[in-house]
Amino acid sequence: MITEQQKREAQRLYEEGNVCRKSQKWAEAQNLYEQAAALDPTSPAVAAREMLHQIMEYRCKEYYNP
């Protein structure tokens, strides 16, 4: 069971991740989305994490295939 405090913290992390993503701080955004998803698996951070993964795969191929 997820507490309200966990939901609020997950939302805060998700929003902070969005700020990092918009600033193209990919690794920081991914880390924040991971933390948010771990706290609340129903958080929009789950979808954001997947979208960021797709962006990284497209834009930063060297991160995935050194």
Protein backbone atom coordinates (compact mmCIF):
# COMPACT_ATOMS: atom_id res chain seq x y z
CA MET A 1 0.00 0.00 0.00
CA ILE A 2 1.32 3.40 -1.01
CA THR A 3 1.00 6.19 1.53
CA GLU A 4 0.00 9.73 0.67
CA GLN A 5 3.49 10.87 1.65
CA GLN A 6 5.03 8.45 -0.87
CA LYS A 7 2.64 9.70 -3.56
CA ARG A 8 3.58 13.31 -2.83
CA GLU A 9 7.30 12.51 -2.87
CA ALA A 10 6.93 10.57 -6.12
CA GLN A 11 5.09 13.53 -7.66
CA ARG A 12 7.83 15.91 -6.50
CA LEU A 13 10.52 13.67 -7.99
CA TYR A 14 8.56 13.37 -11.24
CA GLU A 15 8.23 17.14 -11.54
CA GLU A 16 11.91 17.64 -10.75
CA GLY A 17 12.71 15.03 -13.41
CA ASN A 18 10.66 17.01 -15.92
CA VAL A 19 12.73 20.11 -15.19
CA CYS A 20 15.94 18.14 -15.75
CA ARG A 21 14.59 16.57 -18.95
CA LYS A 22 13.65 19.97 -20.36
CA SER A 23 17.20 21.14 -19.58
CA GLN A 24 18.52 18.04 -21.37
CA LYS A 25 20.04 16.70 -18.18
CA TRP A 26 19.16 13.16 -19.26
CA ALA A 27 20.94 11.15 -16.57
CA GLU A 28 19.54 13.28 -13.74
CA ALA A 29 16.02 13.07 -15.17
CA GLN A 30 16.28 9.30 -15.56
CA ASN A 31 17.47 8.92 -11.98
CA LEU A 32 14.61 11.05 -10.65
CA TYR A 33 12.04 9.14 -12.70
CA GLU A 34 13.46 5.85 -11.39
CA GLN A 35 13.13 7.05 -7.81
CA ALA A 36 9.58 8.25 -8.38
CA ALA A 37 8.55 4.99 -10.04
CA ALA A 38 10.04 3.00 -7.16
CA LEU A 39 7.96 4.97 -4.67
CA ASP A 40 4.74 4.89 -6.70
CA PRO A 41 4.38 2.42 -9.58
CA THR A 42 1.25 4.30 -10.74
CA SER A 43 3.15 7.58 -11.07
CA PRO A 44 3.39 9.28 -14.48
CA ALA A 45 7.13 8.90 -13.96
CA VAL A 46 6.81 5.32 -15.23
CA ALA A 47 5.71 6.54 -18.67
CA ALA A 48 8.19 9.44 -18.57
CA ARG A 49 11.01 7.01 -17.81
CA GLU A 50 10.07 4.94 -20.86
CA MET A 51 9.85 8.03 -23.09
CA LEU A 52 13.23 9.23 -21.84
CA HIS A 53 14.68 5.81 -22.57
CA GLN A 54 13.42 6.11 -26.16
CA ILE A 55 14.87 9.62 -26.47
CA MET A 56 18.23 8.44 -25.18
CA GLU A 57 18.21 5.45 -27.49
CA TYR A 58 17.56 7.72 -30.47
CA ARG A 59 19.73 10.71 -29.58
CA CYS A 60 22.58 9.14 -27.62
CA LYS A 61 23.30 5.80 -29.24
CA GLU A 62 26.85 5.80 -27.83
CA TYR A 63 25.38 5.47 -24.31
CA TYR A 64 23.80 2.18 -25.29
CA ASN A 65 26.44 0.89 -27.76
CA PRO A 66 29.89 2.04 -26.69
